PDB file of N, CA and C in Angstrom:
ATOM      1  N   UNK A   1    -188.721 -28.954-151.073  1.00  0.00           N
ATOM      2  CA  UNK A   1    -187.579 -29.199-150.063  1.00  0.00           C
ATOM      3  C   UNK A   1    -187.389 -30.898-150.837  1.00  0.00           C
ATOM      4  N   UNK A   2    -186.246 -31.213-150.238  1.00  0.00           N
ATOM      5  CA  UNK A   2    -185.892 -32.654-150.199  1.00  0.00           C
ATOM      6  C   UNK A   2    -186.837 -33.330-149.295  1.00  0.00           C
ATOM      7  N   UNK A   3    -187.276 -34.376-149.614  1.00  0.00           N
ATOM      8  CA  UNK A   3    -187.668 -35.321-148.232  1.00  0.00           C
ATOM      9  C   UNK A   3    -186.640 -35.913-147.653  1.00  0.00           C
ATOM     10  N   UNK A   4    -186.019 -36.918-148.898  1.00  0.00           N
ATOM     11  CA  UNK A   4    -184.517 -37.672-148.238  1.00  0.00           C
ATOM     12  C   UNK A   4    -183.888 -37.748-148.848  1.00  0.00           C
ATOM     13  N   UNK A   5    -182.066 -37.835-148.403  1.00  0.00           N
ATOM     14  CA  UNK A   5    -181.190 -37.497-148.582  1.00  0.00           C
ATOM     15  C   UNK A   5    -180.250 -38.822-147.688  1.00  0.00           C
ATOM     16  N   UNK A   6    -179.403 -39.525-148.460  1.00  0.00           N
ATOM     17  CA  UNK A   6    -178.530 -40.781-148.047  1.00  0.00           C
ATOM     18  C   UNK A   6    -177.118 -40.295-148.002  1.00  0.00           C
ATOM     19  N   UNK A   7    -175.999 -40.049-147.106  1.00  0.00           N
ATOM     20  CA  UNK A   7    -174.697 -39.990-147.099  1.00  0.00           C
ATOM     21  C   UNK A   7    -174.143 -40.986-147.519  1.00  0.00           C
ATOM     22  N   UNK A   8    -172.914 -40.586-148.622  1.00  0.00           N
ATOM     23  CA  UNK A   8    -172.096 -41.632-148.953  1.00  0.00           C
ATOM     24  C   UNK A   8    -170.622 -40.795-149.353  1.00  0.00           C
ATOM     25  N   UNK A   9    -169.783 -41.928-149.495  1.00  0.00           N
ATOM     26  CA  UNK A   9    -168.523 -41.493-149.309  1.00  0.00           C
ATOM     27  C   UNK A   9    -168.427 -40.893-150.784  1.00  0.00           C
ATOM     28  N   UNK A  10    -167.927 -40.073-150.976  1.00  0.00           N
ATOM     29  CA  UNK A  10    -167.836 -39.547-152.704  1.00  0.00           C
ATOM     30  C   UNK A  10    -167.156 -40.644-153.281  1.00  0.00           C
ATOM     31  N   UNK A  11    -166.113 -41.415-152.774  1.00  0.00           N
ATOM     32  CA  UNK A  11    -165.602 -42.336-153.900  1.00  0.00           C
ATOM     33  C   UNK A  11    -166.684 -43.744-154.062  1.00  0.00           C
ATOM     34  N   UNK A  12    -167.859 -43.672-153.638  1.00  0.00           N
ATOM     35  CA  UNK A  12    -168.752 -44.608-154.177  1.00  0.00           C
ATOM     36  C   UNK A  12    -169.357 -43.893-155.361  1.00  0.00           C
ATOM     37  N   UNK A  13    -169.460 -42.887-155.287  1.00  0.00           N
ATOM     38  CA  UNK A  13    -170.467 -42.502-156.037  1.00  0.00           C
ATOM     39  C   UNK A  13    -169.168 -42.285-157.090  1.00  0.00           C
ATOM     40  N   UNK A  14    -168.120 -42.081-156.984  1.00  0.00           N
ATOM     41  CA  UNK A  14    -167.335 -42.006-158.394  1.00  0.00           C
ATOM     42  C   UNK A  14    -167.036 -43.348-158.911  1.00  0.00           C
ATOM     43  N   UNK A  15    -167.803 -43.977-158.309  1.00  0.00           N
ATOM     44  CA  UNK A  15    -167.589 -45.392-159.363  1.00  0.00           C
ATOM     45  C   UNK A  15    -168.352 -45.658-160.126  1.00  0.00           C
ATOM     46  N   UNK A  16    -168.901 -44.806-160.421  1.00  0.00           N
ATOM     47  CA  UNK A  16    -169.887 -44.754-161.680  1.00  0.00           C
ATOM     48  C   UNK A  16    -169.504 -44.586-162.818  1.00  0.00           C
ATOM     49  N   UNK A  17    -169.770 -45.226-163.865  1.00  0.00           N
ATOM     50  CA  UNK A  17    -169.063 -45.052-165.357  1.00  0.00           C
ATOM     51  C   UNK A  17    -169.091 -43.060-165.716  1.00  0.00           C
ATOM     52  N   UNK A  18    -170.368 -43.212-165.812  1.00  0.00           N
ATOM     53  CA  UNK A  18    -170.883 -41.825-165.766  1.00  0.00           C
ATOM     54  C   UNK A  18    -170.690 -40.390-165.486  1.00  0.00           C
ATOM     55  N   UNK A  19    -170.149 -40.954-164.237  1.00  0.00           N
ATOM     56  CA  UNK A  19    -169.749 -39.738-162.905  1.00  0.00           C
ATOM     57  C   UNK A  19    -168.891 -38.706-163.680  1.00  0.00           C
ATOM     58  N   UNK A  20    -169.589 -37.633-163.593  1.00  0.00           N
ATOM     59  CA  UNK A  20    -168.437 -36.165-164.098  1.00  0.00           C
ATOM     60  C   UNK A  20    -169.268 -35.264-163.318  1.00  0.00           C
ATOM     61  N   UNK A  21    -168.319 -34.850-162.214  1.00  0.00           N
ATOM     62  CA  UNK A  21    -168.332 -33.207-161.305  1.00  0.00           C
ATOM     63  C   UNK A  21    -168.672 -32.033-161.907  1.00  0.00           C
ATOM     64  N   UNK A  22    -170.133 -31.832-161.342  1.00  0.00           N
ATOM     65  CA  UNK A  22    -169.676 -30.020-161.913  1.00  0.00           C
ATOM     66  C   UNK A  22    -168.722 -29.390-161.403  1.00  0.00           C
ATOM     67  N   UNK A  23    -168.075 -28.411-161.765  1.00  0.00           N
ATOM     68  CA  UNK A  23    -167.556 -27.338-161.414  1.00  0.00           C
ATOM     69  C   UNK A  23    -168.012 -26.897-160.559  1.00  0.00           C
ATOM     70  N   UNK A  24    -167.381 -26.195-159.276  1.00  0.00           N
ATOM     71  CA  UNK A  24    -168.307 -25.824-158.399  1.00  0.00           C
ATOM     72  C   UNK A  24    -167.694 -24.270-157.671  1.00  0.00           C
ATOM     73  N   UNK A  25    -168.203 -23.184-157.193  1.00  0.00           N
ATOM     74  CA  UNK A  25    -167.766 -22.045-156.775  1.00  0.00           C
ATOM     75  C   UNK A  25    -166.493 -22.207-155.557  1.00  0.00           C
ATOM     76  N   UNK A  26    -167.267 -22.976-154.860  1.00  0.00           N
ATOM     77  CA  UNK A  26    -166.707 -22.819-153.514  1.00  0.00           C
ATOM     78  C   UNK A  26    -165.078 -23.565-153.630  1.00  0.00           C
ATOM     79  N   UNK A  27    -164.041 -23.200-152.623  1.00  0.00           N
ATOM     80  CA  UNK A  27    -162.745 -24.098-152.882  1.00  0.00           C
ATOM     81  C   UNK A  27    -162.533 -24.878-152.437  1.00  0.00           C
ATOM     82  N   UNK A  28    -163.480 -25.282-151.584  1.00  0.00           N
ATOM     83  CA  UNK A  28    -163.282 -26.935-150.525  1.00  0.00           C
ATOM     84  C   UNK A  28    -163.158 -27.889-151.727  1.00  0.00           C
ATOM     85  N   UNK A  29    -161.915 -28.779-151.294  1.00  0.00           N
ATOM     86  CA  UNK A  29    -161.593 -29.637-152.304  1.00  0.00           C
ATOM     87  C   UNK A  29    -162.056 -30.867-151.838  1.00  0.00           C
ATOM     88  N   UNK A  30    -163.201 -31.796-152.898  1.00  0.00           N
ATOM     89  CA  UNK A  30    -163.590 -32.906-152.711  1.00  0.00           C
ATOM     90  C   UNK A  30    -162.386 -34.402-152.606  1.00  0.00           C
ATOM     91  N   UNK A  31    -162.569 -35.009-151.813  1.00  0.00           N
ATOM     92  CA  UNK A  31    -161.490 -36.220-152.105  1.00  0.00           C
ATOM     93  C   UNK A  31    -162.330 -37.294-152.273  1.00  0.00           C
ATOM     94  N   UNK A  32    -161.849 -38.717-152.163  1.00  0.00           N
ATOM     95  CA  UNK A  32    -162.932 -40.132-152.152  1.00  0.00           C
ATOM     96  C   UNK A  32    -163.449 -39.862-150.725  1.00  0.00           C
ATOM     97  N   UNK A  33    -162.679 -39.222-149.950  1.00  0.00           N
ATOM     98  CA  UNK A  33    -163.308 -39.683-148.343  1.00  0.00           C
ATOM     99  C   UNK A  33    -164.243 -38.546-147.877  1.00  0.00           C
ATOM    100  N   UNK A  34    -164.477 -37.341-149.074  1.00  0.00           N
ATOM    101  CA  UNK A  34    -165.715 -36.542-148.334  1.00  0.00           C
ATOM    102  C   UNK A  34    -167.056 -37.080-148.400  1.00  0.00           C
ATOM    103  N   UNK A  35    -167.652 -37.058-147.837  1.00  0.00           N
ATOM    104  CA  UNK A  35    -168.808 -37.316-147.466  1.00  0.00           C
ATOM    105  C   UNK A  35    -170.415 -36.143-147.914  1.00  0.00           C
ATOM    106  N   UNK A  36    -171.302 -36.865-149.220  1.00  0.00           N
ATOM    107  CA  UNK A  36    -171.898 -36.335-149.897  1.00  0.00           C
ATOM    108  C   UNK A  36    -173.558 -36.690-149.803  1.00  0.00           C
ATOM    109  N   UNK A  37    -174.324 -35.859-150.130  1.00  0.00           N
ATOM    110  CA  UNK A  37    -175.623 -36.752-150.244  1.00  0.00           C
ATOM    111  C   UNK A  37    -176.386 -36.986-151.416  1.00  0.00           C
ATOM    112  N   UNK A  38    -176.589 -38.294-151.493  1.00  0.00           N
ATOM    113  CA  UNK A  38    -177.658 -38.397-152.561  1.00  0.00           C
ATOM    114  C   UNK A  38    -178.865 -38.358-152.194  1.00  0.00           C
ATOM    115  N   UNK A  39    -180.302 -37.382-153.084  1.00  0.00           N
ATOM    116  CA  UNK A  39    -180.971 -37.190-152.132  1.00  0.00           C
ATOM    117  C   UNK A  39    -182.279 -37.936-153.635  1.00  0.00           C
ATOM    118  N   UNK A  40    -183.328 -38.063-153.128  1.00  0.00           N
ATOM    119  CA  UNK A  40    -184.246 -38.409-153.638  1.00  0.00           C
ATOM    120  C   UNK A  40    -184.694 -38.164-155.261  1.00  0.00           C
ATOM    121  N   UNK A  41    -184.128 -37.574-155.676  1.00  0.00           N
ATOM    122  CA  UNK A  41    -184.369 -36.872-156.701  1.00  0.00           C
ATOM    123  C   UNK A  41    -182.806 -37.571-157.812  1.00  0.00           C
ATOM    124  N   UNK A  42    -182.120 -38.441-157.068  1.00  0.00           N
ATOM    125  CA  UNK A  42    -181.016 -38.626-157.324  1.00  0.00           C
ATOM    126  C   UNK A  42    -179.879 -37.893-158.131  1.00  0.00           C
ATOM    127  N   UNK A  43    -179.595 -36.647-157.633  1.00  0.00           N
ATOM    128  CA  UNK A  43    -178.966 -35.891-158.019  1.00  0.00           C
ATOM    129  C   UNK A  43    -177.910 -35.693-156.459  1.00  0.00           C
ATOM    130  N   UNK A  44    -176.379 -35.066-156.692  1.00  0.00           N
ATOM    131  CA  UNK A  44    -175.361 -35.491-155.775  1.00  0.00           C
ATOM    132  C   UNK A  44    -175.359 -33.902-155.059  1.00  0.00           C
ATOM    133  N   UNK A  45    -175.707 -33.515-153.780  1.00  0.00           N
ATOM    134  CA  UNK A  45    -174.861 -32.063-152.976  1.00  0.00           C
ATOM    135  C   UNK A  45    -173.705 -32.464-151.978  1.00  0.00           C
ATOM    136  N   UNK A  46    -173.208 -31.596-151.762  1.00  0.00           N
ATOM    137  CA  UNK A  46    -172.097 -31.546-150.639  1.00  0.00           C
ATOM    138  C   UNK A  46    -172.965 -31.339-149.483  1.00  0.00           C
ATOM    139  N   UNK A  47    -173.904 -30.158-149.505  1.00  0.00           N
ATOM    140  CA  UNK A  47    -174.353 -29.948-148.130  1.00  0.00           C
ATOM    141  C   UNK A  47    -175.856 -30.541-148.219  1.00  0.00           C
ATOM    142  N   UNK A  48    -176.366 -31.335-147.230  1.00  0.00           N
ATOM    143  CA  UNK A  48    -177.414 -31.610-146.776  1.00  0.00           C
ATOM    144  C   UNK A  48    -178.531 -30.627-146.997  1.00  0.00           C
ATOM    145  N   UNK A  49    -178.060 -29.643-146.214  1.00  0.00           N
ATOM    146  CA  UNK A  49    -179.024 -28.457-146.157  1.00  0.00           C
ATOM    147  C   UNK A  49    -179.008 -27.346-147.030  1.00  0.00           C
ATOM    148  N   UNK A  50    -178.305 -27.526-148.010  1.00  0.00           N
ATOM    149  CA  UNK A  50    -177.927 -26.788-149.478  1.00  0.00           C
ATOM    150  C   UNK A  50    -178.494 -27.390-150.625  1.00  0.00           C
ATOM    151  N   UNK A  51    -180.038 -27.914-151.163  1.00  0.00           N
ATOM    152  CA  UNK A  51    -180.277 -29.141-151.429  1.00  0.00           C
ATOM    153  C   UNK A  51    -180.070 -28.678-153.216  1.00  0.00           C
ATOM    154  N   UNK A  52    -179.549 -27.620-153.568  1.00  0.00           N
ATOM    155  CA  UNK A  52    -179.182 -27.020-154.722  1.00  0.00           C
ATOM    156  C   UNK A  52    -177.490 -26.749-154.926  1.00  0.00           C
ATOM    157  N   UNK A  53    -176.666 -26.867-153.720  1.00  0.00           N
ATOM    158  CA  UNK A  53    -174.918 -27.359-154.088  1.00  0.00           C
ATOM    159  C   UNK A  53    -175.039 -28.744-154.945  1.00  0.00           C
ATOM    160  N   UNK A  54    -175.069 -28.974-155.909  1.00  0.00           N
ATOM    161  CA  UNK A  54    -174.790 -30.063-156.572  1.00  0.00           C
ATOM    162  C   UNK A  54    -173.534 -30.041-157.031  1.00  0.00           C
ATOM    163  N   UNK A  55    -173.277 -31.483-156.836  1.00  0.00           N
ATOM    164  CA  UNK A  55    -171.688 -31.968-157.547  1.00  0.00           C
ATOM    165  C   UNK A  55    -171.753 -32.826-158.756  1.00  0.00           C
ATOM    166  N   UNK A  56    -173.142 -33.460-158.763  1.00  0.00           N
ATOM    167  CA  UNK A  56    -173.612 -34.314-159.775  1.00  0.00           C
ATOM    168  C   UNK A  56    -175.197 -33.710-160.290  1.00  0.00           C
ATOM    169  N   UNK A  57    -175.760 -34.046-161.290  1.00  0.00           N
ATOM    170  CA  UNK A  57    -176.680 -33.950-161.449  1.00  0.00           C
ATOM    171  C   UNK A  57    -177.439 -34.409-162.927  1.00  0.00           C
ATOM    172  N   UNK A  58    -176.777 -35.452-163.286  1.00  0.00           N
ATOM    173  CA  UNK A  58    -177.052 -35.972-164.667  1.00  0.00           C
ATOM    174  C   UNK A  58    -177.841 -37.091-164.422  1.00  0.00           C
ATOM    175  N   UNK A  59    -178.879 -37.113-164.129  1.00  0.00           N
ATOM    176  CA  UNK A  59    -179.588 -38.470-163.839  1.00  0.00           C
ATOM    177  C   UNK A  59    -180.161 -38.938-165.044  1.00  0.00           C
ATOM    178  N   UNK A  60    -180.006 -40.146-165.323  1.00  0.00           N
ATOM    179  CA  UNK A  60    -180.530 -40.854-165.907  1.00  0.00           C
ATOM    180  C   UNK A  60    -180.477 -42.231-165.559  1.00  0.00           C
ATOM    181  N   UNK A  61    -181.487 -42.845-166.622  1.00  0.00           N
ATOM    182  CA  UNK A  61    -181.461 -44.398-166.089  1.00  0.00           C
ATOM    183  C   UNK A  61    -180.641 -45.204-165.314  1.00  0.00           C
ATOM    184  N   UNK A  62    -179.473 -45.174-165.826  1.00  0.00           N
ATOM    185  CA  UNK A  62    -178.477 -45.658-166.274  1.00  0.00           C
ATOM    186  C   UNK A  62    -177.984 -45.528-164.467  1.00  0.00           C
ATOM    187  N   UNK A  63    -177.777 -43.952-164.188  1.00  0.00           N
ATOM    188  CA  UNK A  63    -177.413 -43.794-163.403  1.00  0.00           C
ATOM    189  C   UNK A  63    -178.455 -44.398-161.498  1.00  0.00           C
ATOM    190  N   UNK A  64    -179.581 -44.029-162.371  1.00  0.00           N
ATOM    191  CA  UNK A  64    -180.512 -44.648-161.280  1.00  0.00           C
ATOM    192  C   UNK A  64    -180.437 -45.977-160.666  1.00  0.00           C
ATOM    193  N   UNK A  65    -180.382 -46.446-161.996  1.00  0.00           N
ATOM    194  CA  UNK A  65    -179.946 -48.174-162.066  1.00  0.00           C
ATOM    195  C   UNK A  65    -178.576 -48.293-161.104  1.00  0.00           C
ATOM    196  N   UNK A  66    -177.728 -47.698-161.216  1.00  0.00           N
ATOM    197  CA  UNK A  66    -176.118 -47.809-160.477  1.00  0.00           C
ATOM    198  C   UNK A  66    -176.854 -47.394-159.005  1.00  0.00           C
ATOM    199  N   UNK A  67    -177.572 -46.575-158.734  1.00  0.00           N
ATOM    200  CA  UNK A  67    -177.774 -45.623-157.087  1.00  0.00           C
ATOM    201  C   UNK A  67    -178.599 -47.181-156.710  1.00  0.00           C
ATOM    202  N   UNK A  68    -179.707 -47.978-157.222  1.00  0.00           N
ATOM    203  CA  UNK A  68    -180.281 -49.176-156.923  1.00  0.00           C
ATOM    204  C   UNK A  68    -179.862 -49.667-156.307  1.00  0.00           C
ATOM    205  N   UNK A  69    -179.079 -50.694-157.749  1.00  0.00           N
ATOM    206  CA  UNK A  69    -178.018 -51.522-157.614  1.00  0.00           C
ATOM    207  C   UNK A  69    -176.859 -52.161-156.674  1.00  0.00           C
ATOM    208  N   UNK A  70    -175.836 -50.703-157.241  1.00  0.00           N
ATOM    209  CA  UNK A  70    -174.952 -50.946-156.453  1.00  0.00           C
ATOM    210  C   UNK A  70    -174.430 -50.117-155.240  1.00  0.00           C
ATOM    211  N   UNK A  71    -175.520 -49.130-155.155  1.00  0.00           N
ATOM    212  CA  UNK A  71    -175.264 -48.678-153.925  1.00  0.00           C
ATOM    213  C   UNK A  71    -176.598 -49.056-153.024  1.00  0.00           C
ATOM    214  N   UNK A  72    -177.421 -49.372-153.436  1.00  0.00           N
ATOM    215  CA  UNK A  72    -178.688 -49.960-152.427  1.00  0.00           C
ATOM    216  C   UNK A  72    -179.535 -48.611-152.111  1.00  0.00           C
ATOM    217  N   UNK A  73    -179.028 -47.532-153.185  1.00  0.00           N
ATOM    218  CA  UNK A  73    -180.495 -46.560-152.397  1.00  0.00           C
ATOM    219  C   UNK A  73    -182.028 -46.871-152.958  1.00  0.00           C
ATOM    220  N   UNK A  74    -182.459 -46.913-151.845  1.00  0.00           N
ATOM    221  CA  UNK A  74    -183.875 -46.869-152.324  1.00  0.00           C
ATOM    222  C   UNK A  74    -184.454 -45.855-150.635  1.00  0.00           C
ATOM    223  N   UNK A  75    -185.576 -45.452-150.897  1.00  0.00           N
ATOM    224  CA  UNK A  75    -186.645 -44.406-150.001  1.00  0.00           C
ATOM    225  C   UNK A  75    -186.791 -45.597-148.566  1.00  0.00           C
ATOM    226  N   UNK A  76    -186.391 -45.197-147.507  1.00  0.00           N
ATOM    227  CA  UNK A  76    -186.622 -46.320-146.527  1.00  0.00           C
ATOM    228  C   UNK A  76    -188.652 -46.530-146.715  1.00  0.00           C
ATOM    229  N   UNK A  77    -188.497 -47.693-146.576  1.00  0.00           N
ATOM    230  CA  UNK A  77    -190.273 -48.168-145.950  1.00  0.00           C
ATOM    231  C   UNK A  77    -190.997 -47.507-145.622  1.00  0.00           C
ATOM    232  N   UNK A  78    -190.417 -46.648-144.152  1.00  0.00           N
ATOM    233  CA  UNK A  78    -190.898 -46.008-143.049  1.00  0.00           C
ATOM    234  C   UNK A  78    -191.030 -44.565-143.306  1.00  0.00           C
ATOM    235  N   UNK A  79    -190.586 -44.298-144.573  1.00  0.00           N
ATOM    236  CA  UNK A  79    -190.769 -42.580-145.414  1.00  0.00           C
ATOM    237  C   UNK A  79    -191.502 -42.584-146.415  1.00  0.00           C
ATOM    238  N   UNK A  80    -192.357 -43.905-147.042  1.00  0.00           N
ATOM    239  CA  UNK A  80    -192.755 -44.087-148.323  1.00  0.00           C
ATOM    240  C   UNK A  80    -193.814 -43.199-148.359  1.00  0.00           C
ATOM    241  N   UNK A  81    -194.835 -43.405-147.719  1.00  0.00           N
ATOM    242  CA  UNK A  81    -195.950 -42.647-147.092  1.00  0.00           C
ATOM    243  C   UNK A  81    -195.824 -40.881-147.537  1.00  0.00           C
ATOM    244  N   UNK A  82    -194.940 -40.707-147.309  1.00  0.00           N
ATOM    245  CA  UNK A  82    -194.470 -39.149-147.709  1.00  0.00           C
ATOM    246  C   UNK A  82    -194.386 -38.897-148.911  1.00  0.00           C
ATOM    247  N   UNK A  83    -194.789 -40.016-149.944  1.00  0.00           N
ATOM    248  CA  UNK A  83    -194.546 -39.613-151.481  1.00  0.00           C
ATOM    249  C   UNK A  83    -195.228 -40.332-152.484  1.00  0.00           C
ATOM    250  N   UNK A  84    -196.482 -40.910-151.349  1.00  0.00           N
ATOM    251  CA  UNK A  84    -197.608 -41.373-152.024  1.00  0.00           C
ATOM    252  C   UNK A  84    -198.405 -40.211-152.165  1.00  0.00           C
ATOM    253  N   UNK A  85    -199.191 -40.464-153.087  1.00  0.00           N
ATOM    254  CA  UNK A  85    -200.388 -39.398-153.869  1.00  0.00           C
ATOM    255  C   UNK A  85    -201.276 -40.321-153.122  1.00  0.00           C
ATOM    256  N   UNK A  86    -202.084 -39.038-152.128  1.00  0.00           N
ATOM    257  CA  UNK A  86    -203.392 -39.352-151.496  1.00  0.00           C
ATOM    258  C   UNK A  86    -204.581 -38.481-152.158  1.00  0.00           C
ATOM    259  N   UNK A  87    -205.790 -39.254-152.221  1.00  0.00           N
ATOM    260  CA  UNK A  87    -206.794 -38.551-152.630  1.00  0.00           C
ATOM    261  C   UNK A  87    -207.316 -37.465-151.421  1.00  0.00           C
ATOM    262  N   UNK A  88    -208.073 -36.752-151.878  1.00  0.00           N
ATOM    263  CA  UNK A  88    -208.555 -35.788-150.325  1.00  0.00           C
ATOM    264  C   UNK A  88    -209.294 -36.323-149.896  1.00  0.00           C
ATOM    265  N   UNK A  89    -209.769 -36.195-148.707  1.00  0.00           N
ATOM    266  CA  UNK A  89    -210.540 -36.764-147.837  1.00  0.00           C
ATOM    267  C   UNK A  89    -211.662 -36.987-148.381  1.00  0.00           C
ATOM    268  N   UNK A  90    -212.271 -36.279-148.961  1.00  0.00           N
ATOM    269  CA  UNK A  90    -213.801 -35.315-148.915  1.00  0.00           C
ATOM    270  C   UNK A  90    -213.973 -36.755-150.027  1.00  0.00           C
ATOM    271  N   UNK A  91    -213.126 -37.051-151.045  1.00  0.00           N
ATOM    272  CA  UNK A  91    -213.499 -37.886-152.273  1.00  0.00           C
ATOM    273  C   UNK A  91    -213.840 -39.141-151.156  1.00  0.00           C
ATOM    274  N   UNK A  92    -212.589 -39.769-150.792  1.00  0.00           N
ATOM    275  CA  UNK A  92    -213.254 -40.803-149.893  1.00  0.00           C
ATOM    276  C   UNK A  92    -214.303 -40.980-149.243  1.00  0.00           C
ATOM    277  N   UNK A  93    -214.590 -40.221-148.524  1.00  0.00           N
ATOM    278  CA  UNK A  93    -216.165 -40.108-147.680  1.00  0.00           C
ATOM    279  C   UNK A  93    -217.413 -39.749-148.866  1.00  0.00           C
ATOM    280  N   UNK A  94    -217.035 -39.340-150.024  1.00  0.00           N
ATOM    281  CA  UNK A  94    -218.347 -39.672-150.968  1.00  0.00           C
ATOM    282  C   UNK A  94    -218.426 -40.812-151.463  1.00  0.00           C
ATOM    283  N   UNK A  95    -217.205 -41.924-151.878  1.00  0.00           N
ATOM    284  CA  UNK A  95    -216.846 -42.973-152.191  1.00  0.00           C
ATOM    285  C   UNK A  95    -217.555 -44.154-151.179  1.00  0.00           C
ATOM    286  N   UNK A  96    -217.703 -43.605-150.216  1.00  0.00           N
ATOM    287  CA  UNK A  96    -218.044 -44.683-148.856  1.00  0.00           C
ATOM    288  C   UNK A  96    -219.417 -44.296-149.039  1.00  0.00           C
ATOM    289  N   UNK A  97    -220.162 -43.029-148.854  1.00  0.00           N
ATOM    290  CA  UNK A  97    -221.418 -43.034-148.928  1.00  0.00           C
ATOM    291  C   UNK A  97    -222.095 -43.794-150.001  1.00  0.00           C
ATOM    292  N   UNK A  98    -221.766 -43.496-151.372  1.00  0.00           N
ATOM    293  CA  UNK A  98    -221.950 -44.009-152.151  1.00  0.00           C
ATOM    294  C   UNK A  98    -222.200 -45.751-152.060  1.00  0.00           C
ATOM    295  N   UNK A  99    -221.185 -46.189-151.484  1.00  0.00           N
ATOM    296  CA  UNK A  99    -220.966 -48.036-151.620  1.00  0.00           C
ATOM    297  C   UNK A  99    -222.185 -47.672-150.499  1.00  0.00           C
ATOM    298  N   UNK A 100    -222.349 -47.291-149.166  1.00  0.00           N
ATOM    299  CA  UNK A 100    -223.212 -47.854-148.588  1.00  0.00           C
ATOM    300  C   UNK A 100    -224.623 -47.782-148.768  1.00  0.00           C
ATOM    301  N   UNK A 101    -225.283 -46.919-149.974  1.00  0.00           N
ATOM    302  CA  UNK A 101    -226.296 -46.696-150.086  1.00  0.00           C
ATOM    303  C   UNK A 101    -226.828 -47.321-151.180  1.00  0.00           C
ATOM    304  N   UNK A 102    -225.736 -48.018-151.629  1.00  0.00           N
ATOM    305  CA  UNK A 102    -225.855 -48.930-152.546  1.00  0.00           C
ATOM    306  C   UNK A 102    -226.115 -50.450-152.443  1.00  0.00           C
TER     307      UNK A 102
END
């Protein structure tokens, strides 16, 4: 499950030089005014609740740079903790115990 997505007008994402929309089976027309979702893994979906309904999934460094620099896309600071890998609590306790005995 994706942890974070941000809504954009499709016209803003189509401004990317390398934009290539995937062919889709549904018949809903996507216009510049359609709202789509840029996910934390830099893929784009039509429906925030269907994280594999890809409109765009050609993720490379230039796309990530576009998202960050042109769209201002980033994980909000108050959600970044969900992305940090933490050590198991018992390792922390062992480290503290070792420090206190030295």
